[in-house]
């Protein structure tokens, strides 16, 4: 059993942990922190690694917010921008067109609550990967969890060097293989083989 934060289109390392676990609990009582995968994902773009960030509404009184209270800032058209970036980056990949109709609503339907959006994304990804992953949510903040604590995987700036098996990336000729991007990168390049890839990775968490 593992304990993780729900994230915005999870990294491949996060999905490896999920696929290889016996059960999954999502932490939903944490305090929101900046510069994490809670509202960020990375894709391969023509110029290399590109961050897609969801702008969020910060509390007006300056107090810390719990992640479950965080709301997206829709005064900026971030959804259409993210979708255009994905189209530009992956339109020529082998499987983009295969998955785009299932993913498009996540960039078209208005987003309010960040946590709910991330959980909806996870459900969609499981369907596309063919992954039967049931999960529960934490009833409180676990200071000493019984599950294997992998909440550190949410940190986008303190990432370990995961030795993931290289796969063919559509823009690899421009900048070489980029490891541990969003699982979308794997999905668009490897398609139905993605789940087997995740199952085969050997990462010491």
N, C-alpha and C. Protein backbone atom coordinates (compact mmCIF):
# COMPACT_ATOMS: atom_id res chain seq x y z
N UNK A 1 0.85 -1.19 0.00
CA UNK A 1 0.00 0.00 0.00
C UNK A 1 0.88 1.24 0.00
N UNK A 2 0.54 2.20 -0.86
CA UNK A 2 1.33 3.42 -0.94
C UNK A 2 0.44 4.65 -0.69
N UNK A 3 1.09 5.72 -0.23
CA UNK A 3 0.42 7.00 0.02
C UNK A 3 1.03 8.04 -0.91
N UNK A 4 0.17 8.67 -1.73
CA UNK A 4 0.62 9.63 -2.73
C UNK A 4 -0.28 10.87 -2.73
N UNK A 5 0.25 11.96 -3.30
CA UNK A 5 -0.59 13.13 -3.58
C UNK A 5 -1.18 12.99 -4.98
N UNK A 6 -2.45 13.34 -5.17
CA UNK A 6 -2.99 13.42 -6.54
C UNK A 6 -2.30 14.58 -7.27
N UNK A 7 -1.90 14.33 -8.52
CA UNK A 7 -1.14 15.34 -9.25
C UNK A 7 -1.73 15.58 -10.64
N UNK A 8 -1.26 16.64 -11.27
CA UNK A 8 -1.74 17.05 -12.59
C UNK A 8 -1.02 16.24 -13.67
N UNK A 9 -1.68 15.29 -14.30
CA UNK A 9 -1.09 14.38 -15.26
C UNK A 9 0.25 13.84 -14.72
N UNK A 10 0.16 12.85 -13.83
CA UNK A 10 1.32 12.37 -13.05
C UNK A 10 2.56 12.07 -13.87
N UNK A 11 3.70 12.16 -13.21
CA UNK A 11 4.96 11.79 -13.84
C UNK A 11 5.01 10.27 -14.02
N UNK A 12 5.91 9.83 -14.88
CA UNK A 12 6.04 8.39 -15.12
C UNK A 12 6.46 7.67 -13.85
N UNK A 13 7.35 8.26 -13.06
CA UNK A 13 7.78 7.62 -11.81
C UNK A 13 6.59 7.42 -10.87
N UNK A 14 5.72 8.41 -10.78
CA UNK A 14 4.53 8.27 -9.94
C UNK A 14 3.65 7.13 -10.43
N UNK A 15 3.48 7.02 -11.74
CA UNK A 15 2.64 5.97 -12.30
C UNK A 15 3.28 4.59 -12.14
N UNK A 16 4.61 4.52 -12.19
CA UNK A 16 5.29 3.25 -11.92
C UNK A 16 4.98 2.79 -10.51
N UNK A 17 5.06 3.72 -9.55
CA UNK A 17 4.76 3.38 -8.15
C UNK A 17 3.33 2.87 -8.01
N UNK A 18 2.40 3.52 -8.69
CA UNK A 18 0.98 3.14 -8.60
C UNK A 18 0.74 1.77 -9.22
N UNK A 19 1.28 1.57 -10.43
CA UNK A 19 1.07 0.32 -11.14
C UNK A 19 1.65 -0.87 -10.37
N UNK A 20 2.76 -0.65 -9.68
CA UNK A 20 3.44 -1.74 -9.00
C UNK A 20 3.04 -1.88 -7.53
N UNK A 21 2.06 -1.11 -7.09
CA UNK A 21 1.62 -1.18 -5.69
C UNK A 21 0.48 -2.17 -5.52
N UNK A 22 0.22 -2.53 -4.28
CA UNK A 22 -0.91 -3.42 -3.96
C UNK A 22 -2.16 -2.62 -3.66
N UNK A 23 -2.01 -1.36 -3.37
CA UNK A 23 -3.15 -0.50 -3.08
C UNK A 23 -2.69 0.94 -2.99
N UNK A 24 -3.64 1.87 -3.14
CA UNK A 24 -3.31 3.29 -3.24
C UNK A 24 -4.21 4.13 -2.36
N UNK A 25 -3.59 5.01 -1.57
CA UNK A 25 -4.32 6.01 -0.80
C UNK A 25 -3.82 7.37 -1.25
N UNK A 26 -4.74 8.26 -1.58
CA UNK A 26 -4.37 9.62 -1.94
C UNK A 26 -4.49 10.53 -0.72
N UNK A 27 -3.44 11.29 -0.47
CA UNK A 27 -3.44 12.28 0.61
C UNK A 27 -4.26 13.49 0.17
N UNK A 28 -5.29 13.83 0.93
CA UNK A 28 -6.15 14.96 0.55
C UNK A 28 -6.28 16.00 1.66
N UNK A 29 -5.48 15.86 2.72
CA UNK A 29 -5.55 16.82 3.82
C UNK A 29 -4.24 17.58 4.00
N UNK A 30 -3.43 17.62 2.95
CA UNK A 30 -2.16 18.32 3.02
C UNK A 30 -2.35 19.81 2.78
N UNK A 31 -1.37 20.59 3.21
CA UNK A 31 -1.33 22.02 2.89
C UNK A 31 -0.74 22.20 1.49
N UNK A 32 -1.36 23.08 0.72
CA UNK A 32 -0.90 23.34 -0.64
C UNK A 32 0.49 23.96 -0.61
N UNK A 33 1.36 23.52 -1.51
CA UNK A 33 2.70 24.08 -1.65
C UNK A 33 2.96 24.41 -3.11
N UNK A 34 3.73 25.46 -3.34
CA UNK A 34 4.07 25.87 -4.70
C UNK A 34 5.14 24.94 -5.28
N UNK A 35 5.29 25.01 -6.58
CA UNK A 35 6.34 24.31 -7.32
C UNK A 35 6.32 22.80 -7.08
N UNK A 36 5.13 22.23 -7.17
CA UNK A 36 4.99 20.79 -7.06
C UNK A 36 4.13 20.28 -8.21
N UNK A 37 4.06 18.97 -8.31
CA UNK A 37 3.24 18.34 -9.35
C UNK A 37 1.74 18.44 -9.05
N UNK A 38 1.38 19.05 -7.93
CA UNK A 38 -0.05 19.23 -7.66
C UNK A 38 -0.71 20.02 -8.79
N UNK A 39 -0.01 21.02 -9.30
CA UNK A 39 -0.57 21.84 -10.38
C UNK A 39 0.40 22.00 -11.55
N UNK A 40 1.30 21.04 -11.72
CA UNK A 40 2.34 21.15 -12.75
C UNK A 40 2.62 19.78 -13.36
N UNK A 41 2.89 19.78 -14.66
CA UNK A 41 3.38 18.59 -15.34
C UNK A 41 4.39 19.00 -16.39
N UNK A 42 5.22 18.07 -16.82
CA UNK A 42 6.25 18.37 -17.81
C UNK A 42 6.05 17.52 -19.06
N UNK A 43 6.21 18.14 -20.22
CA UNK A 43 6.13 17.44 -21.49
C UNK A 43 7.40 17.72 -22.29
N UNK A 44 7.61 16.93 -23.35
CA UNK A 44 8.73 17.19 -24.27
C UNK A 44 8.25 18.13 -25.35
N UNK A 45 9.00 19.20 -25.56
CA UNK A 45 8.63 20.18 -26.58
C UNK A 45 9.83 20.39 -27.49
N UNK A 46 9.65 21.16 -28.54
CA UNK A 46 10.72 21.37 -29.52
C UNK A 46 11.99 21.90 -28.87
N UNK A 47 11.83 22.71 -27.83
CA UNK A 47 13.00 23.30 -27.17
C UNK A 47 13.47 22.50 -25.96
N UNK A 48 12.87 21.34 -25.72
CA UNK A 48 13.25 20.52 -24.58
C UNK A 48 12.09 20.28 -23.64
N UNK A 49 12.35 20.37 -22.35
CA UNK A 49 11.36 20.09 -21.32
C UNK A 49 10.50 21.32 -21.07
N UNK A 50 9.19 21.17 -21.18
CA UNK A 50 8.27 22.29 -21.02
C UNK A 50 7.33 22.04 -19.85
N UNK A 51 7.23 23.02 -18.94
CA UNK A 51 6.32 22.92 -17.80
C UNK A 51 4.95 23.47 -18.17
N UNK A 52 3.91 22.72 -17.83
CA UNK A 52 2.53 23.20 -17.93
C UNK A 52 2.02 23.41 -16.52
N UNK A 53 1.70 24.66 -16.19
CA UNK A 53 1.28 25.01 -14.83
C UNK A 53 -0.17 25.46 -14.81
N UNK A 54 -0.92 24.99 -13.82
CA UNK A 54 -2.27 25.50 -13.59
C UNK A 54 -2.15 26.69 -12.65
N UNK A 55 -2.57 27.90 -13.06
CA UNK A 55 -2.55 29.04 -12.13
C UNK A 55 -3.64 28.83 -11.07
N UNK A 56 -3.33 29.17 -9.85
CA UNK A 56 -4.31 28.97 -8.79
C UNK A 56 -4.61 30.29 -8.08
N UNK A 57 -5.80 30.34 -7.47
CA UNK A 57 -6.19 31.51 -6.70
C UNK A 57 -5.63 31.38 -5.28
N UNK A 58 -4.79 32.32 -4.92
CA UNK A 58 -4.20 32.29 -3.57
C UNK A 58 -5.17 32.93 -2.58
N UNK A 59 -5.07 32.50 -1.34
CA UNK A 59 -5.96 33.03 -0.31
C UNK A 59 -5.70 34.53 -0.14
N UNK A 60 -6.76 35.31 0.00
CA UNK A 60 -6.64 36.76 0.08
C UNK A 60 -6.04 37.23 1.40
N UNK A 61 -6.21 36.42 2.45
CA UNK A 61 -5.68 36.82 3.76
C UNK A 61 -4.27 36.30 4.01
N UNK A 62 -3.72 35.59 3.02
CA UNK A 62 -2.35 35.12 3.15
C UNK A 62 -2.19 33.83 3.93
N UNK A 63 -3.29 33.29 4.43
CA UNK A 63 -3.21 32.05 5.19
C UNK A 63 -3.00 30.86 4.26
N UNK A 64 -2.39 29.81 4.81
CA UNK A 64 -2.14 28.62 4.02
C UNK A 64 -3.46 27.92 3.70
N UNK A 65 -3.51 27.37 2.50
CA UNK A 65 -4.70 26.63 2.09
C UNK A 65 -4.40 25.13 2.08
N UNK A 66 -5.41 24.36 2.39
CA UNK A 66 -5.29 22.93 2.14
C UNK A 66 -5.50 22.70 0.64
N UNK A 67 -4.84 21.69 0.11
CA UNK A 67 -4.93 21.43 -1.32
C UNK A 67 -6.38 21.22 -1.75
N UNK A 68 -7.16 20.58 -0.92
CA UNK A 68 -8.55 20.29 -1.29
C UNK A 68 -9.40 21.57 -1.41
N UNK A 69 -8.88 22.70 -0.91
CA UNK A 69 -9.60 23.97 -1.00
C UNK A 69 -9.15 24.81 -2.19
N UNK A 70 -8.06 24.40 -2.83
CA UNK A 70 -7.44 25.23 -3.88
C UNK A 70 -8.31 25.25 -5.14
N UNK A 71 -8.48 26.46 -5.68
CA UNK A 71 -9.30 26.67 -6.88
C UNK A 71 -8.42 27.21 -8.00
N UNK A 72 -8.65 26.73 -9.21
CA UNK A 72 -7.88 27.21 -10.37
C UNK A 72 -8.26 28.64 -10.70
N UNK A 73 -7.28 29.39 -11.18
CA UNK A 73 -7.52 30.77 -11.61
C UNK A 73 -7.83 30.77 -13.10
N UNK A 74 -9.10 30.88 -13.42
CA UNK A 74 -9.52 30.80 -14.82
C UNK A 74 -9.60 32.15 -15.52
N UNK A 75 -9.03 33.18 -14.89
CA UNK A 75 -8.96 34.48 -15.57
C UNK A 75 -7.92 34.43 -16.69
N UNK A 76 -7.09 33.39 -16.66
CA UNK A 76 -6.09 33.16 -17.70
C UNK A 76 -6.49 31.87 -18.43
N UNK A 77 -6.48 31.84 -19.76
CA UNK A 77 -6.95 30.67 -20.52
C UNK A 77 -5.94 29.53 -20.52
N UNK A 78 -5.60 29.05 -19.34
CA UNK A 78 -4.55 28.04 -19.21
C UNK A 78 -4.93 26.71 -19.87
N UNK A 79 -6.21 26.35 -19.82
CA UNK A 79 -6.60 25.06 -20.40
C UNK A 79 -6.36 25.01 -21.90
N UNK A 80 -6.79 26.04 -22.61
CA UNK A 80 -6.58 26.06 -24.06
C UNK A 80 -5.10 26.15 -24.40
N UNK A 81 -4.34 26.86 -23.57
CA UNK A 81 -2.91 26.97 -23.81
C UNK A 81 -2.22 25.61 -23.63
N UNK A 82 -2.61 24.88 -22.57
CA UNK A 82 -2.03 23.56 -22.33
C UNK A 82 -2.37 22.60 -23.46
N UNK A 83 -3.61 22.65 -23.93
CA UNK A 83 -4.04 21.76 -25.00
C UNK A 83 -3.29 22.07 -26.30
N UNK A 84 -3.11 23.35 -26.60
CA UNK A 84 -2.35 23.74 -27.79
C UNK A 84 -0.90 23.28 -27.69
N UNK A 85 -0.33 23.37 -26.49
CA UNK A 85 1.05 22.91 -26.30
C UNK A 85 1.16 21.41 -26.53
N UNK A 86 0.17 20.65 -26.05
CA UNK A 86 0.17 19.20 -26.26
C UNK A 86 0.01 18.87 -27.75
N UNK A 87 -0.87 19.60 -28.41
CA UNK A 87 -1.07 19.37 -29.85
C UNK A 87 0.21 19.65 -30.64
N UNK A 88 0.86 20.77 -30.30
CA UNK A 88 2.11 21.14 -30.99
C UNK A 88 3.19 20.09 -30.75
N UNK A 89 3.29 19.62 -29.51
CA UNK A 89 4.36 18.68 -29.14
C UNK A 89 4.12 17.27 -29.66
N UNK A 90 2.86 16.85 -29.70
CA UNK A 90 2.60 15.42 -29.93
C UNK A 90 1.73 15.10 -31.15
N UNK A 91 1.37 16.08 -31.90
CA UNK A 91 0.50 15.81 -33.06
C UNK A 91 1.09 14.74 -33.98
N UNK A 92 2.40 14.69 -34.12
CA UNK A 92 3.03 13.72 -35.01
C UNK A 92 3.44 12.43 -34.29
N UNK A 93 3.14 12.32 -33.00
CA UNK A 93 3.47 11.09 -32.27
C UNK A 93 2.53 9.97 -32.71
N UNK A 94 2.93 8.71 -32.53
CA UNK A 94 2.15 7.59 -33.06
C UNK A 94 0.72 7.48 -32.53
N UNK A 95 0.48 7.93 -31.28
CA UNK A 95 -0.81 7.63 -30.66
C UNK A 95 -1.60 8.84 -30.17
N UNK A 96 -1.17 10.05 -30.53
CA UNK A 96 -1.90 11.23 -30.06
C UNK A 96 -3.35 11.21 -30.52
N UNK A 97 -3.57 10.97 -31.80
CA UNK A 97 -4.93 10.98 -32.33
C UNK A 97 -5.78 9.85 -31.74
N UNK A 98 -5.14 8.79 -31.30
CA UNK A 98 -5.84 7.66 -30.71
C UNK A 98 -6.49 8.05 -29.38
N UNK A 99 -5.83 8.97 -28.64
CA UNK A 99 -6.30 9.32 -27.29
C UNK A 99 -6.92 10.71 -27.19
N UNK A 100 -6.77 11.55 -28.20
CA UNK A 100 -7.12 12.96 -28.03
C UNK A 100 -8.60 13.20 -27.71
N UNK A 101 -9.51 12.41 -28.27
CA UNK A 101 -10.93 12.62 -28.00
C UNK A 101 -11.29 12.34 -26.54
N UNK A 102 -10.57 11.41 -25.92
CA UNK A 102 -10.81 11.11 -24.50
C UNK A 102 -10.21 12.17 -23.59
N UNK A 103 -9.12 12.78 -24.02
CA UNK A 103 -8.42 13.76 -23.19
C UNK A 103 -8.96 15.18 -23.36
N UNK A 104 -9.48 15.50 -24.54
CA UNK A 104 -9.90 16.87 -24.85
C UNK A 104 -10.85 17.47 -23.81
N UNK A 105 -11.86 16.72 -23.30
CA UNK A 105 -12.77 17.33 -22.31
C UNK A 105 -12.07 17.84 -21.06
N UNK A 106 -10.94 17.27 -20.71
CA UNK A 106 -10.20 17.73 -19.53
C UNK A 106 -9.62 19.12 -19.75
N UNK A 107 -9.57 19.55 -21.00
CA UNK A 107 -9.06 20.88 -21.34
C UNK A 107 -10.16 21.81 -21.85
N UNK A 108 -11.37 21.29 -21.93
CA UNK A 108 -12.49 22.08 -22.44
C UNK A 108 -13.52 22.39 -21.36
N UNK A 109 -13.76 21.46 -20.44
CA UNK A 109 -14.73 21.67 -19.37
C UNK A 109 -14.10 22.53 -18.28
N UNK A 110 -14.80 23.54 -17.86
CA UNK A 110 -14.27 24.48 -16.87
C UNK A 110 -13.83 23.78 -15.59
N UNK A 111 -12.65 24.13 -15.12
CA UNK A 111 -12.09 23.55 -13.91
C UNK A 111 -12.24 24.52 -12.75
N UNK A 112 -12.70 24.01 -11.63
CA UNK A 112 -12.76 24.82 -10.42
C UNK A 112 -11.79 24.26 -9.38
N UNK A 113 -12.19 23.20 -8.72
CA UNK A 113 -11.38 22.62 -7.65
C UNK A 113 -10.21 21.81 -8.21
N UNK A 114 -9.00 22.13 -7.78
CA UNK A 114 -7.80 21.48 -8.29
C UNK A 114 -7.76 19.99 -7.94
N UNK A 115 -8.07 19.66 -6.71
CA UNK A 115 -8.01 18.27 -6.27
C UNK A 115 -8.99 17.40 -7.08
N UNK A 116 -10.20 17.87 -7.24
CA UNK A 116 -11.19 17.11 -8.01
C UNK A 116 -10.74 16.92 -9.45
N UNK A 117 -10.12 17.95 -10.00
CA UNK A 117 -9.63 17.87 -11.38
C UNK A 117 -8.53 16.80 -11.49
N UNK A 118 -7.62 16.78 -10.53
CA UNK A 118 -6.54 15.80 -10.55
C UNK A 118 -7.07 14.37 -10.41
N UNK A 119 -8.09 14.19 -9.60
CA UNK A 119 -8.68 12.86 -9.44
C UNK A 119 -9.40 12.43 -10.72
N UNK A 120 -10.06 13.39 -11.38
CA UNK A 120 -10.71 13.08 -12.65
C UNK A 120 -9.67 12.69 -13.71
N UNK A 121 -8.56 13.40 -13.72
CA UNK A 121 -7.46 13.07 -14.64
C UNK A 121 -6.96 11.66 -14.37
N UNK A 122 -6.79 11.32 -13.10
CA UNK A 122 -6.28 9.99 -12.76
C UNK A 122 -7.23 8.90 -13.25
N UNK A 123 -8.52 9.10 -13.04
CA UNK A 123 -9.52 8.13 -13.50
C UNK A 123 -9.45 7.96 -15.02
N UNK A 124 -9.31 9.08 -15.74
CA UNK A 124 -9.22 9.02 -17.19
C UNK A 124 -7.97 8.28 -17.64
N UNK A 125 -6.84 8.58 -17.01
CA UNK A 125 -5.58 7.92 -17.37
C UNK A 125 -5.65 6.42 -17.13
N UNK A 126 -6.27 6.02 -16.03
CA UNK A 126 -6.41 4.59 -15.75
C UNK A 126 -7.20 3.90 -16.86
N UNK A 127 -8.25 4.55 -17.32
CA UNK A 127 -9.05 3.99 -18.42
C UNK A 127 -8.21 3.86 -19.69
N UNK A 128 -7.43 4.88 -20.01
CA UNK A 128 -6.64 4.86 -21.23
C UNK A 128 -5.49 3.86 -21.16
N UNK A 129 -4.95 3.67 -19.96
CA UNK A 129 -3.85 2.72 -19.78
C UNK A 129 -4.33 1.29 -19.66
N UNK A 130 -5.63 1.11 -19.40
CA UNK A 130 -6.15 -0.22 -19.13
C UNK A 130 -5.75 -0.69 -17.74
N UNK A 131 -5.64 0.26 -16.82
CA UNK A 131 -5.20 -0.02 -15.45
C UNK A 131 -6.40 -0.05 -14.50
N UNK A 132 -6.56 -1.15 -13.81
CA UNK A 132 -7.61 -1.24 -12.79
C UNK A 132 -7.02 -0.82 -11.45
N UNK A 133 -7.14 0.45 -11.14
CA UNK A 133 -6.53 0.99 -9.93
C UNK A 133 -7.60 1.65 -9.06
N UNK A 134 -8.05 0.93 -8.06
CA UNK A 134 -8.97 1.53 -7.11
C UNK A 134 -8.15 2.25 -6.04
N UNK A 135 -8.72 3.29 -5.49
CA UNK A 135 -7.99 4.05 -4.48
C UNK A 135 -8.96 4.57 -3.43
N UNK A 136 -8.40 4.94 -2.30
CA UNK A 136 -9.17 5.62 -1.27
C UNK A 136 -8.49 6.95 -0.98
N UNK A 137 -9.17 7.82 -0.25
CA UNK A 137 -8.57 9.10 0.13
C UNK A 137 -8.38 9.12 1.64
N UNK A 138 -7.39 9.84 2.08
CA UNK A 138 -7.05 9.87 3.50
C UNK A 138 -8.15 10.57 4.31
N UNK A 139 -8.50 10.05 5.48
CA UNK A 139 -9.52 10.68 6.32
C UNK A 139 -8.97 11.86 7.13
N UNK A 140 -7.65 11.99 7.17
CA UNK A 140 -6.96 13.06 7.90
C UNK A 140 -5.55 13.13 7.36
N UNK A 141 -4.76 14.11 7.85
CA UNK A 141 -3.37 14.16 7.42
C UNK A 141 -2.57 13.11 8.19
N UNK A 142 -1.93 12.21 7.46
CA UNK A 142 -1.17 11.14 8.09
C UNK A 142 0.25 11.61 8.41
N UNK A 143 0.54 11.78 9.69
CA UNK A 143 1.91 12.14 10.09
C UNK A 143 2.80 10.90 10.17
N UNK A 144 2.24 9.79 10.55
CA UNK A 144 2.98 8.53 10.59
C UNK A 144 2.14 7.47 9.86
N UNK A 145 2.13 7.52 8.55
CA UNK A 145 1.25 6.64 7.79
C UNK A 145 1.64 5.16 7.89
N UNK A 146 0.64 4.31 7.82
CA UNK A 146 0.88 2.87 7.79
C UNK A 146 1.30 2.43 6.39
N UNK A 147 0.89 3.21 5.41
CA UNK A 147 1.26 2.91 4.03
C UNK A 147 2.71 3.34 3.76
N UNK A 148 3.29 2.85 2.67
CA UNK A 148 4.61 3.32 2.24
C UNK A 148 4.45 4.76 1.80
N UNK A 149 5.18 5.67 2.44
CA UNK A 149 4.99 7.10 2.23
C UNK A 149 5.79 7.58 1.01
N UNK A 150 5.07 7.79 -0.09
CA UNK A 150 5.70 8.28 -1.32
C UNK A 150 5.23 9.70 -1.64
N UNK A 151 4.81 10.42 -0.63
CA UNK A 151 4.33 11.77 -0.87
C UNK A 151 5.43 12.69 -1.38
N UNK A 152 6.68 12.32 -1.15
CA UNK A 152 7.80 13.14 -1.64
C UNK A 152 7.84 13.20 -3.16
N UNK A 153 7.17 12.26 -3.84
CA UNK A 153 7.17 12.27 -5.30
C UNK A 153 6.46 13.48 -5.88
N UNK A 154 5.74 14.22 -5.02
CA UNK A 154 5.03 15.41 -5.51
C UNK A 154 5.98 16.58 -5.76
N UNK A 155 7.18 16.52 -5.21
CA UNK A 155 8.13 17.63 -5.34
C UNK A 155 8.70 17.68 -6.74
N UNK A 156 8.46 18.77 -7.44
CA UNK A 156 8.92 18.90 -8.83
C UNK A 156 10.36 19.40 -8.90
N UNK A 157 10.83 20.09 -7.86
CA UNK A 157 12.16 20.70 -7.91
C UNK A 157 13.23 19.83 -7.26
N UNK A 158 12.83 18.80 -6.51
CA UNK A 158 13.80 17.96 -5.80
C UNK A 158 13.74 16.53 -6.33
N UNK A 159 13.70 16.42 -7.63
CA UNK A 159 13.47 15.12 -8.24
C UNK A 159 14.74 14.27 -8.27
N UNK A 160 14.58 12.99 -7.98
CA UNK A 160 15.69 12.06 -8.05
C UNK A 160 15.95 11.68 -9.51
N UNK A 161 17.09 11.07 -9.74
CA UNK A 161 17.42 10.62 -11.09
C UNK A 161 16.92 9.19 -11.26
N UNK A 162 15.66 9.07 -11.69
CA UNK A 162 15.09 7.75 -11.89
C UNK A 162 15.63 7.16 -13.18
N UNK A 163 16.18 5.96 -13.09
CA UNK A 163 16.78 5.32 -14.27
C UNK A 163 15.70 4.56 -15.02
N UNK A 164 14.90 5.33 -15.76
CA UNK A 164 13.82 4.74 -16.54
C UNK A 164 14.35 4.24 -17.88
N UNK A 165 13.79 3.15 -18.35
CA UNK A 165 14.18 2.61 -19.65
C UNK A 165 13.80 3.59 -20.76
N UNK A 166 14.73 4.00 -21.59
CA UNK A 166 14.38 4.92 -22.69
C UNK A 166 13.38 4.28 -23.65
N UNK A 167 12.49 5.08 -24.15
CA UNK A 167 11.57 4.67 -25.21
C UNK A 167 11.66 5.75 -26.29
N UNK A 168 11.13 5.46 -27.47
CA UNK A 168 11.24 6.41 -28.57
C UNK A 168 10.31 7.61 -28.34
N UNK A 169 10.88 8.79 -28.29
CA UNK A 169 10.11 10.03 -28.15
C UNK A 169 10.10 10.76 -29.48
N UNK A 170 8.97 11.35 -29.81
CA UNK A 170 8.79 11.94 -31.14
C UNK A 170 9.77 13.08 -31.40
N UNK A 171 10.20 13.78 -30.35
CA UNK A 171 11.12 14.91 -30.55
C UNK A 171 12.54 14.59 -30.07
N UNK A 172 12.83 13.31 -29.96
CA UNK A 172 14.12 12.88 -29.43
C UNK A 172 15.30 13.38 -30.27
N UNK A 173 15.09 13.50 -31.57
CA UNK A 173 16.17 13.95 -32.45
C UNK A 173 16.61 15.37 -32.13
N UNK A 174 15.72 16.17 -31.53
CA UNK A 174 16.04 17.57 -31.21
C UNK A 174 16.90 17.70 -29.96
N UNK A 175 16.61 16.88 -28.94
CA UNK A 175 17.27 17.09 -27.64
C UNK A 175 17.56 15.81 -26.87
N UNK A 176 17.50 14.66 -27.53
CA UNK A 176 17.77 13.40 -26.85
C UNK A 176 16.59 12.95 -25.99
N UNK A 177 16.75 11.82 -25.33
CA UNK A 177 15.67 11.28 -24.50
C UNK A 177 15.54 12.08 -23.20
N UNK A 178 14.33 12.46 -22.87
CA UNK A 178 14.06 13.17 -21.61
C UNK A 178 13.29 12.22 -20.70
N UNK A 179 13.85 11.93 -19.55
CA UNK A 179 13.28 10.95 -18.64
C UNK A 179 12.23 11.56 -17.72
N UNK A 180 11.30 10.73 -17.30
CA UNK A 180 10.31 11.06 -16.28
C UNK A 180 9.47 12.30 -16.57
N UNK A 181 8.97 12.37 -17.79
CA UNK A 181 8.00 13.41 -18.11
C UNK A 181 6.62 12.98 -17.64
N UNK A 182 5.60 13.73 -17.99
CA UNK A 182 4.24 13.32 -17.71
C UNK A 182 3.97 11.97 -18.38
N UNK A 183 3.12 11.18 -17.76
CA UNK A 183 2.75 9.89 -18.35
C UNK A 183 2.09 10.08 -19.72
N UNK A 184 1.62 11.30 -20.01
CA UNK A 184 1.08 11.58 -21.34
C UNK A 184 2.14 11.36 -22.42
N UNK A 185 3.39 11.70 -22.12
CA UNK A 185 4.47 11.51 -23.09
C UNK A 185 4.61 10.04 -23.44
N UNK A 186 4.56 9.20 -22.42
CA UNK A 186 4.64 7.75 -22.62
C UNK A 186 3.44 7.26 -23.43
N UNK A 187 2.27 7.73 -23.06
CA UNK A 187 1.03 7.29 -23.70
C UNK A 187 1.01 7.65 -25.19
N UNK A 188 1.41 8.87 -25.52
CA UNK A 188 1.38 9.32 -26.92
C UNK A 188 2.44 8.61 -27.77
N UNK A 189 3.54 8.20 -27.14
CA UNK A 189 4.61 7.56 -27.89
C UNK A 189 4.53 6.04 -27.91
N UNK A 190 4.01 5.45 -26.83
CA UNK A 190 3.98 4.00 -26.72
C UNK A 190 2.58 3.39 -26.81
N UNK A 191 1.55 4.21 -26.63
CA UNK A 191 0.19 3.72 -26.78
C UNK A 191 -0.15 2.54 -25.89
N UNK A 192 -0.75 1.48 -26.43
CA UNK A 192 -1.18 0.33 -25.62
C UNK A 192 -0.04 -0.39 -24.89
N UNK A 193 1.20 -0.13 -25.29
CA UNK A 193 2.35 -0.75 -24.63
C UNK A 193 2.72 -0.04 -23.34
N UNK A 194 2.06 1.09 -23.04
CA UNK A 194 2.44 1.92 -21.89
C UNK A 194 2.35 1.18 -20.55
N UNK A 195 1.29 0.41 -20.38
CA UNK A 195 1.12 -0.29 -19.10
C UNK A 195 2.22 -1.32 -18.89
N UNK A 196 2.58 -2.04 -19.93
CA UNK A 196 3.68 -3.01 -19.83
C UNK A 196 4.99 -2.31 -19.48
N UNK A 197 5.18 -1.14 -20.07
CA UNK A 197 6.39 -0.35 -19.75
C UNK A 197 6.42 -0.01 -18.26
N UNK A 198 5.31 0.50 -17.74
CA UNK A 198 5.25 0.90 -16.33
C UNK A 198 5.47 -0.30 -15.41
N UNK A 199 4.93 -1.43 -15.79
CA UNK A 199 5.08 -2.65 -14.97
C UNK A 199 6.52 -3.15 -14.96
N UNK A 200 7.27 -2.86 -16.01
CA UNK A 200 8.62 -3.43 -16.15
C UNK A 200 9.72 -2.58 -15.53
N UNK A 201 9.39 -1.36 -15.13
CA UNK A 201 10.43 -0.46 -14.61
C UNK A 201 10.87 -0.86 -13.21
N UNK A 202 12.17 -0.74 -12.96
CA UNK A 202 12.73 -1.10 -11.66
C UNK A 202 13.24 0.17 -10.98
N UNK A 203 12.42 0.70 -10.09
CA UNK A 203 12.78 1.91 -9.35
C UNK A 203 12.75 1.59 -7.86
N UNK A 204 13.79 1.97 -7.15
CA UNK A 204 13.83 1.78 -5.69
C UNK A 204 13.25 3.02 -5.02
N UNK A 205 11.99 2.95 -4.64
CA UNK A 205 11.34 4.10 -4.01
C UNK A 205 11.68 4.12 -2.51
